[in-house]
Amino acid sequence: MVGRRRATMESEMLPVLRSSVVKFLIQSAHDLEVPPIVKYSALSLFADRFYSSISGFTSSNDSSYWLLQPITESNLQLFALVSLWISSKLHTSHPPSIKLLKAFGDKMIKEQHFMTRDFLDAEVIFMRILNFEIGTANITFIFLEELLNQFKEVAKVGELVNWEACMDVMDLLYEKEETTVFYRSPCSSAAAILIASYLITVPVQEWEFPIVPWEYCKHNEQTANANGRIHQVVPFLLGLTAQ
């Protein structure tokens, strides 16, 4: 009974902690100066997949998941750093060493001190929860890069779209906990981010939005509803950026 009540309380805490831990991941990516592909792959692995899967492991009798029992903000920050570490291994030839990662964790994680072994255990737990499926070929960031390149090919005005603004919009979505669609429909999400960034950064007198090949999204997501999702997400994005 006590264990069930504790598991329920921890599950209720997860949505509360998510925003601060995502901001921690984004700040850590900035401080570690990782490439954007590493940052957004880590966000996809951690925020879109890992975070939504951990509630079932908090009350597990399997002691190998001890870093999730109980769930604390410090433990989640540890897993956020691990997601960056895994992503760096996937996308860079010189990922941070475990020594560097631990030293960074000692500086950034205030409430708890983790040993080198904890980082290694957290990596195994992270991989197990994702069933060792850590591919990042179909994340929103990659589709966004492709769509922006296509935009620039069909219209000069594409050069006016601010790439940093595109990434800022994506960060904002992660921080506002509105990224479920990223994992389900990454190309539609990328198209919505591109449109919103265009409307935000390109001067009104320069507006000349061409027909970007949205069929690219439909093909990649195998859904006839890609345009519908774009129409839903763009107004939401503009509302967020106006706040």
C-alpha atoms as a PDB file:
ATOM      1  CA  MET A   1       0.000   0.000   0.000  1.00  0.00           C
ATOM      2  CA  VAL A   2       2.787   2.393   0.979  1.00  0.00           C
ATOM      3  CA  GLY A   3       4.753   1.501  -2.140  1.00  0.00           C
ATOM      4  CA  ARG A   4       1.721   2.104  -4.328  1.00  0.00           C
ATOM      5  CA  ARG A   5       1.072   5.479  -2.698  1.00  0.00           C
ATOM      6  CA  ARG A   6       4.715   6.487  -3.166  1.00  0.00           C
ATOM      7  CA  ALA A   7       4.623   5.450  -6.835  1.00  0.00           C
ATOM      8  CA  THR A   8       1.475   7.535  -7.342  1.00  0.00           C
ATOM      9  CA  MET A   9       3.066  10.577  -5.718  1.00  0.00           C
ATOM     10  CA  GLU A  10       6.180  10.208  -7.858  1.00  0.00           C
ATOM     11  CA  SER A  11       4.092   9.879 -11.035  1.00  0.00           C
ATOM     12  CA  GLU A  12       2.310  13.090 -10.097  1.00  0.00           C
ATOM     13  CA  MET A  13       5.663  14.839  -9.619  1.00  0.00           C
ATOM     14  CA  LEU A  14       6.962  13.942 -13.089  1.00  0.00           C
ATOM     15  CA  PRO A  15       4.978  16.622 -14.992  1.00  0.00           C
ATOM     16  CA  VAL A  16       6.008  19.195 -12.383  1.00  0.00           C
ATOM     17  CA  LEU A  17       9.705  18.420 -12.763  1.00  0.00           C
ATOM     18  CA  ARG A  18       9.764  18.045 -16.536  1.00  0.00           C
ATOM     19  CA  SER A  19      10.053  21.704 -17.489  1.00  0.00           C
ATOM     20  CA  SER A  20      12.938  22.454 -15.128  1.00  0.00           C
ATOM     21  CA  VAL A  21      14.845  19.326 -16.169  1.00  0.00           C
ATOM     22  CA  VAL A  22      14.385  20.126 -19.871  1.00  0.00           C
ATOM     23  CA  LYS A  23      15.693  23.640 -19.240  1.00  0.00           C
ATOM     24  CA  PHE A  24      18.627  22.039 -17.413  1.00  0.00           C
ATOM     25  CA  LEU A  25      19.361  19.873 -20.471  1.00  0.00           C
ATOM     26  CA  ILE A  26      19.176  22.851 -22.837  1.00  0.00           C
ATOM     27  CA  GLN A  27      21.485  24.915 -20.599  1.00  0.00           C
ATOM     28  CA  SER A  28      23.908  21.998 -20.262  1.00  0.00           C
ATOM     29  CA  ALA A  29      24.033  21.598 -24.051  1.00  0.00           C
ATOM     30  CA  HIS A  30      24.904  25.294 -24.304  1.00  0.00           C
ATOM     31  CA  ASP A  31      27.576  25.136 -21.594  1.00  0.00           C
ATOM     32  CA  LEU A  32      29.149  21.991 -23.064  1.00  0.00           C
ATOM     33  CA  GLU A  33      29.085  23.632 -26.504  1.00  0.00           C
ATOM     34  CA  VAL A  34      27.729  20.552 -28.233  1.00  0.00           C
ATOM     35  CA  PRO A  35      26.541  20.790 -31.872  1.00  0.00           C
ATOM     36  CA  PRO A  36      22.807  21.385 -32.410  1.00  0.00           C
ATOM     37  CA  ILE A  37      22.285  17.820 -33.690  1.00  0.00           C
ATOM     38  CA  VAL A  38      23.603  16.510 -30.364  1.00  0.00           C
ATOM     39  CA  LYS A  39      21.360  18.826 -28.361  1.00  0.00           C
ATOM     40  CA  TYR A  40      18.173  18.002 -30.254  1.00  0.00           C
ATOM     41  CA  SER A  41      18.906  14.296 -30.448  1.00  0.00           C
ATOM     42  CA  ALA A  42      19.350  14.330 -26.670  1.00  0.00           C
ATOM     43  CA  LEU A  43      16.076  16.240 -26.233  1.00  0.00           C
ATOM     44  CA  SER A  44      14.290  13.727 -28.438  1.00  0.00           C
ATOM     45  CA  LEU A  45      15.712  10.747 -26.554  1.00  0.00           C
ATOM     46  CA  PHE A  46      15.148  12.261 -23.114  1.00  0.00           C
ATOM     47  CA  ALA A  47      12.016  14.439 -23.334  1.00  0.00           C
ATOM     48  CA  ASP A  48      10.070  12.668 -26.078  1.00  0.00           C
ATOM     49  CA  ARG A  49      10.830   9.069 -25.140  1.00  0.00           C
ATOM     50  CA  PHE A  50      12.655   8.413 -21.856  1.00  0.00           C
ATOM     51  CA  TYR A  51      10.657  10.807 -19.703  1.00  0.00           C
ATOM     52  CA  SER A  52       7.309   9.459 -20.827  1.00  0.00           C
ATOM     53  CA  SER A  53       8.401   5.882 -20.064  1.00  0.00           C
ATOM     54  CA  ILE A  54       9.924   6.062 -16.596  1.00  0.00           C
ATOM     55  CA  SER A  55       6.789   6.111 -14.438  1.00  0.00           C
ATOM     56  CA  GLY A  56       6.475   2.350 -14.733  1.00  0.00           C
ATOM     57  CA  PHE A  57       9.937   1.796 -13.300  1.00  0.00           C
ATOM     58  CA  THR A  58       9.703   3.925 -10.164  1.00  0.00           C
ATOM     59  CA  SER A  59       7.930   1.194  -8.210  1.00  0.00           C
ATOM     60  CA  SER A  60       9.736  -1.720  -9.848  1.00  0.00           C
ATOM     61  CA  ASN A  61      11.185  -4.383  -7.579  1.00  0.00           C
ATOM     62  CA  ASP A  62      14.161  -4.619  -9.912  1.00  0.00           C
ATOM     63  CA  SER A  63      17.054  -3.050  -8.016  1.00  0.00           C
ATOM     64  CA  SER A  64      18.905  -2.385 -11.264  1.00  0.00           C
ATOM     65  CA  TYR A  65      16.641   0.662 -11.681  1.00  0.00           C
ATOM     66  CA  TRP A  66      17.750   2.082  -8.344  1.00  0.00           C
ATOM     67  CA  LEU A  67      18.519   5.527  -9.826  1.00  0.00           C
ATOM     68  CA  LEU A  68      14.782   5.940 -10.437  1.00  0.00           C
ATOM     69  CA  GLN A  69      13.791   4.860  -6.916  1.00  0.00           C
ATOM     70  CA  PRO A  70      12.787   7.391  -5.810  1.00  0.00           C
ATOM     71  CA  ILE A  71      12.617   9.916  -8.623  1.00  0.00           C
ATOM     72  CA  THR A  72      14.242  13.226  -7.709  1.00  0.00           C
ATOM     73  CA  GLU A  73      15.140  16.289  -9.735  1.00  0.00           C
ATOM     74  CA  SER A  74      18.829  15.502  -9.238  1.00  0.00           C
ATOM     75  CA  ASN A  75      18.417  11.984 -10.608  1.00  0.00           C
ATOM     76  CA  LEU A  76      16.544  13.315 -13.626  1.00  0.00           C
ATOM     77  CA  GLN A  77      19.311  15.859 -14.218  1.00  0.00           C
ATOM     78  CA  LEU A  78      21.762  12.954 -14.205  1.00  0.00           C
ATOM     79  CA  PHE A  79      19.750  11.201 -16.924  1.00  0.00           C
ATOM     80  CA  ALA A  80      19.545  14.458 -18.902  1.00  0.00           C
ATOM     81  CA  LEU A  81      23.357  14.616 -18.939  1.00  0.00           C
ATOM     82  CA  VAL A  82      23.491  10.957 -19.929  1.00  0.00           C
ATOM     83  CA  SER A  83      21.195  11.663 -22.884  1.00  0.00           C
ATOM     84  CA  LEU A  84      23.663  14.335 -24.043  1.00  0.00           C
ATOM     85  CA  TRP A  85      26.506  11.872 -23.589  1.00  0.00           C
ATOM     86  CA  ILE A  86      24.789   9.173 -25.643  1.00  0.00           C
ATOM     87  CA  SER A  87      23.870  11.677 -28.338  1.00  0.00           C
ATOM     88  CA  SER A  88      27.454  12.917 -28.471  1.00  0.00           C
ATOM     89  CA  LYS A  89      28.640   9.363 -29.027  1.00  0.00           C
ATOM     90  CA  LEU A  90      26.178   9.029 -31.908  1.00  0.00           C
ATOM     91  CA  HIS A  91      27.002  12.278 -33.662  1.00  0.00           C
ATOM     92  CA  THR A  92      30.548  13.365 -32.827  1.00  0.00           C
ATOM     93  CA  SER A  93      33.949  11.765 -33.181  1.00  0.00           C
ATOM     94  CA  HIS A  94      35.111  13.146 -29.828  1.00  0.00           C
ATOM     95  CA  PRO A  95      32.323  12.872 -27.231  1.00  0.00           C
ATOM     96  CA  PRO A  96      32.938  14.177 -23.707  1.00  0.00           C
ATOM     97  CA  SER A  97      34.881  11.784 -21.522  1.00  0.00           C
ATOM     98  CA  ILE A  98      33.241  10.301 -18.457  1.00  0.00           C
ATOM     99  CA  LYS A  99      35.701  12.349 -16.366  1.00  0.00           C
ATOM    100  CA  LEU A 100      34.586  15.600 -18.011  1.00  0.00           C
ATOM    101  CA  LEU A 101      30.924  14.660 -17.718  1.00  0.00           C
ATOM    102  CA  LYS A 102      31.263  13.870 -14.019  1.00  0.00           C
ATOM    103  CA  ALA A 103      33.111  17.146 -13.349  1.00  0.00           C
ATOM    104  CA  PHE A 104      30.373  19.017 -15.192  1.00  0.00           C
ATOM    105  CA  GLY A 105      27.706  17.165 -13.199  1.00  0.00           C
ATOM    106  CA  ASP A 106      29.463  18.053  -9.932  1.00  0.00           C
ATOM    107  CA  LYS A 107      29.188  21.729 -10.904  1.00  0.00           C
ATOM    108  CA  MET A 108      25.643  21.701 -12.284  1.00  0.00           C
ATOM    109  CA  ILE A 109      23.736  19.234 -10.063  1.00  0.00           C
ATOM    110  CA  LYS A 110      23.437  21.004  -6.735  1.00  0.00           C
ATOM    111  CA  GLU A 111      21.410  18.674  -4.536  1.00  0.00           C
ATOM    112  CA  GLN A 112      23.293  15.408  -4.980  1.00  0.00           C
ATOM    113  CA  HIS A 113      26.793  14.200  -5.733  1.00  0.00           C
ATOM    114  CA  PHE A 114      27.111  11.384  -8.269  1.00  0.00           C
ATOM    115  CA  MET A 115      30.071   9.077  -8.708  1.00  0.00           C
ATOM    116  CA  THR A 116      31.516   7.945 -12.023  1.00  0.00           C
ATOM    117  CA  ARG A 117      29.831   4.585 -11.523  1.00  0.00           C
ATOM    118  CA  ASP A 118      26.458   6.349 -11.233  1.00  0.00           C
ATOM    119  CA  PHE A 119      26.878   7.864 -14.693  1.00  0.00           C
ATOM    120  CA  LEU A 120      27.698   4.450 -16.135  1.00  0.00           C
ATOM    121  CA  ASP A 121      24.728   2.828 -14.372  1.00  0.00           C
ATOM    122  CA  ALA A 122      22.446   5.648 -15.549  1.00  0.00           C
ATOM    123  CA  GLU A 123      23.552   5.070 -19.148  1.00  0.00           C
ATOM    124  CA  VAL A 124      22.593   1.386 -18.909  1.00  0.00           C
ATOM    125  CA  ILE A 125      19.221   2.212 -17.321  1.00  0.00           C
ATOM    126  CA  PHE A 126      18.548   4.855 -19.975  1.00  0.00           C
ATOM    127  CA  MET A 127      19.323   2.419 -22.775  1.00  0.00           C
ATOM    128  CA  ARG A 128      17.215  -0.344 -21.234  1.00  0.00           C
ATOM    129  CA  ILE A 129      14.178   1.893 -20.853  1.00  0.00           C
ATOM    130  CA  LEU A 130      14.483   2.827 -24.545  1.00  0.00           C
ATOM    131  CA  ASN A 131      14.956  -0.870 -25.411  1.00  0.00           C
ATOM    132  CA  PHE A 132      18.345   0.117 -26.827  1.00  0.00           C
ATOM    133  CA  GLU A 133      16.554   1.909 -29.677  1.00  0.00           C
ATOM    134  CA  ILE A 134      18.493   5.149 -29.892  1.00  0.00           C
ATOM    135  CA  GLY A 135      18.195   6.010 -33.570  1.00  0.00           C
ATOM    136  CA  THR A 136      17.759   9.731 -34.248  1.00  0.00           C
ATOM    137  CA  ALA A 137      17.451   9.797 -38.038  1.00  0.00           C
ATOM    138  CA  ASN A 138      13.813  10.948 -37.963  1.00  0.00           C
ATOM    139  CA  ILE A 139      13.848  13.708 -35.364  1.00  0.00           C
ATOM    140  CA  THR A 140      12.247  17.125 -35.908  1.00  0.00           C
ATOM    141  CA  PHE A 141      15.614  18.905 -36.070  1.00  0.00           C
ATOM    142  CA  ILE A 142      16.763  16.926 -39.125  1.00  0.00           C
ATOM    143  CA  PHE A 143      13.487  17.542 -40.969  1.00  0.00           C
ATOM    144  CA  LEU A 144      13.709  21.245 -40.094  1.00  0.00           C
ATOM    145  CA  GLU A 145      17.175  21.503 -41.635  1.00  0.00           C
ATOM    146  CA  GLU A 146      15.979  19.733 -44.784  1.00  0.00           C
ATOM    147  CA  LEU A 147      12.859  21.881 -45.166  1.00  0.00           C
ATOM    148  CA  LEU A 148      14.813  25.117 -44.670  1.00  0.00           C
ATOM    149  CA  ASN A 149      17.317  24.050 -47.329  1.00  0.00           C
ATOM    150  CA  GLN A 150      14.437  23.297 -49.719  1.00  0.00           C
ATOM    151  CA  PHE A 151      12.871  26.653 -48.887  1.00  0.00           C
ATOM    152  CA  LYS A 152      16.108  28.455 -49.794  1.00  0.00           C
ATOM    153  CA  GLU A 153      16.275  26.550 -53.079  1.00  0.00           C
ATOM    154  CA  VAL A 154      12.821  27.671 -54.242  1.00  0.00           C
ATOM    155  CA  ALA A 155      12.813  31.279 -52.993  1.00  0.00           C
ATOM    156  CA  LYS A 156      15.390  33.950 -52.165  1.00  0.00           C
ATOM    157  CA  VAL A 157      13.273  34.986 -49.202  1.00  0.00           C
ATOM    158  CA  GLY A 158      14.279  31.707 -47.578  1.00  0.00           C
ATOM    159  CA  GLU A 159      17.653  33.294 -46.875  1.00  0.00           C
ATOM    160  CA  LEU A 160      15.888  35.725 -44.530  1.00  0.00           C
ATOM    161  CA  VAL A 161      14.640  32.988 -42.210  1.00  0.00           C
ATOM    162  CA  ASN A 162      16.705  33.123 -39.052  1.00  0.00           C
ATOM    163  CA  TRP A 163      18.063  29.667 -38.197  1.00  0.00           C
ATOM    164  CA  GLU A 164      18.682  30.650 -34.588  1.00  0.00           C
ATOM    165  CA  ALA A 165      15.028  31.664 -34.336  1.00  0.00           C
ATOM    166  CA  CYS A 166      14.004  28.229 -35.596  1.00  0.00           C
ATOM    167  CA  MET A 167      16.001  26.607 -32.795  1.00  0.00           C
ATOM    168  CA  ASP A 168      14.690  29.092 -30.225  1.00  0.00           C
ATOM    169  CA  VAL A 169      11.123  28.153 -31.206  1.00  0.00           C
ATOM    170  CA  MET A 170      11.953  24.471 -30.832  1.00  0.00           C
ATOM    171  CA  ASP A 171      13.506  25.086 -27.415  1.00  0.00           C
ATOM    172  CA  LEU A 172      10.389  26.984 -26.368  1.00  0.00           C
ATOM    173  CA  LEU A 173       8.183  24.073 -27.352  1.00  0.00           C
ATOM    174  CA  TYR A 174      10.267  21.690 -25.281  1.00  0.00           C
ATOM    175  CA  GLU A 175      10.223  24.033 -22.302  1.00  0.00           C
ATOM    176  CA  LYS A 176       6.441  24.463 -22.574  1.00  0.00           C
ATOM    177  CA  GLU A 177       5.959  20.682 -22.628  1.00  0.00           C
ATOM    178  CA  GLU A 178       4.290  20.756 -26.036  1.00  0.00           C
ATOM    179  CA  THR A 179       6.447  18.212 -27.849  1.00  0.00           C
ATOM    180  CA  THR A 180       4.343  15.056 -28.022  1.00  0.00           C
ATOM    181  CA  VAL A 181       3.777  15.781 -31.701  1.00  0.00           C
ATOM    182  CA  PHE A 182       7.565  15.941 -32.253  1.00  0.00           C
ATOM    183  CA  TYR A 183       7.886  12.201 -31.823  1.00  0.00           C
ATOM    184  CA  ARG A 184       4.634  11.283 -33.609  1.00  0.00           C
ATOM    185  CA  SER A 185       4.937  13.733 -36.503  1.00  0.00           C
ATOM    186  CA  PRO A 186       8.458  15.170 -36.680  1.00  0.00           C
ATOM    187  CA  CYS A 187       8.191  16.495 -40.229  1.00  0.00           C
ATOM    188  CA  SER A 188       4.874  18.257 -39.628  1.00  0.00           C
ATOM    189  CA  SER A 189       6.396  19.765 -36.489  1.00  0.00           C
ATOM    190  CA  ALA A 190       9.410  20.943 -38.477  1.00  0.00           C
ATOM    191  CA  ALA A 191       7.156  22.551 -41.097  1.00  0.00           C
ATOM    192  CA  ALA A 192       5.169  24.367 -38.394  1.00  0.00           C
ATOM    193  CA  ILE A 193       8.366  25.627 -36.740  1.00  0.00           C
ATOM    194  CA  LEU A 194       9.681  26.854 -40.083  1.00  0.00           C
ATOM    195  CA  ILE A 195       6.455  28.726 -40.875  1.00  0.00           C
ATOM    196  CA  ALA A 196       6.299  30.276 -37.407  1.00  0.00           C
ATOM    197  CA  SER A 197       9.965  31.332 -37.576  1.00  0.00           C
ATOM    198  CA  TYR A 198       9.351  32.850 -41.013  1.00  0.00           C
ATOM    199  CA  LEU A 199       6.409  34.888 -39.754  1.00  0.00           C
ATOM    200  CA  ILE A 200       8.361  36.022 -36.697  1.00  0.00           C
ATOM    201  CA  THR A 201      11.684  36.976 -38.319  1.00  0.00           C
ATOM    202  CA  VAL A 202      11.034  37.964 -41.943  1.00  0.00           C
ATOM    203  CA  PRO A 203       9.890  41.600 -42.397  1.00  0.00           C
ATOM    204  CA  VAL A 204       6.253  41.824 -43.490  1.00  0.00           C
ATOM    205  CA  GLN A 205       7.167  43.703 -46.669  1.00  0.00           C
ATOM    206  CA  GLU A 206       9.317  40.725 -47.687  1.00  0.00           C
ATOM    207  CA  TRP A 207       6.616  38.072 -47.184  1.00  0.00           C
ATOM    208  CA  GLU A 208       6.414  35.847 -50.206  1.00  0.00           C
ATOM    209  CA  PHE A 209       5.877  32.376 -48.873  1.00  0.00           C
ATOM    210  CA  PRO A 210       6.337  29.887 -51.717  1.00  0.00           C
ATOM    211  CA  ILE A 211       4.921  26.392 -51.968  1.00  0.00           C
ATOM    212  CA  VAL A 212       7.475  24.417 -50.008  1.00  0.00           C
ATOM    213  CA  PRO A 213       7.208  20.705 -50.856  1.00  0.00           C
ATOM    214  CA  TRP A 214       4.950  19.642 -47.965  1.00  0.00           C
ATOM    215  CA  GLU A 215       4.494  16.326 -49.795  1.00  0.00           C
ATOM    216  CA  TYR A 216       7.934  15.602 -48.365  1.00  0.00           C
ATOM    217  CA  CYS A 217       6.302  15.513 -44.924  1.00  0.00           C
ATOM    218  CA  LYS A 218       3.399  13.402 -46.059  1.00  0.00           C
ATOM    219  CA  HIS A 219       5.732  10.887 -47.632  1.00  0.00           C
ATOM    220  CA  ASN A 220       7.999  10.658 -44.588  1.00  0.00           C
ATOM    221  CA  GLU A 221       5.149  10.390 -42.090  1.00  0.00           C
ATOM    222  CA  GLN A 222       2.888   8.336 -44.329  1.00  0.00           C
ATOM    223  CA  THR A 223      -0.142  10.362 -43.354  1.00  0.00           C
ATOM    224  CA  ALA A 224      -2.629  12.438 -45.279  1.00  0.00           C
ATOM    225  CA  ASN A 225      -3.151  14.622 -42.232  1.00  0.00           C
ATOM    226  CA  ALA A 226       0.258  16.332 -42.260  1.00  0.00           C
ATOM    227  CA  ASN A 227      -1.151  19.663 -43.466  1.00  0.00           C
ATOM    228  CA  GLY A 228      -3.862  19.531 -40.809  1.00  0.00           C
ATOM    229  CA  ARG A 229      -1.261  19.169 -38.080  1.00  0.00           C
ATOM    230  CA  ILE A 230       0.684  22.099 -39.515  1.00  0.00           C
ATOM    231  CA  HIS A 231      -2.432  24.314 -39.398  1.00  0.00           C
ATOM    232  CA  GLN A 232      -2.986  23.286 -35.763  1.00  0.00           C
ATOM    233  CA  VAL A 233       0.557  23.814 -34.564  1.00  0.00           C
ATOM    234  CA  VAL A 234       1.438  27.146 -36.245  1.00  0.00           C
ATOM    235  CA  PRO A 235      -1.166  29.266 -34.363  1.00  0.00           C
ATOM    236  CA  PHE A 236      -0.092  27.612 -31.122  1.00  0.00           C
ATOM    237  CA  LEU A 237       3.571  28.437 -31.831  1.00  0.00           C
ATOM    238  CA  LEU A 238       2.775  32.058 -32.647  1.00  0.00           C
ATOM    239  CA  GLY A 239       0.812  32.304 -29.405  1.00  0.00           C
ATOM    240  CA  LEU A 240       3.785  31.010 -27.412  1.00  0.00           C
ATOM    241  CA  THR A 241       6.289  33.356 -29.018  1.00  0.00           C
ATOM    242  CA  ALA A 242       3.992  36.327 -28.421  1.00  0.00           C
ATOM    243  CA  GLN A 243       3.923  35.721 -24.665  1.00  0.00           C
END
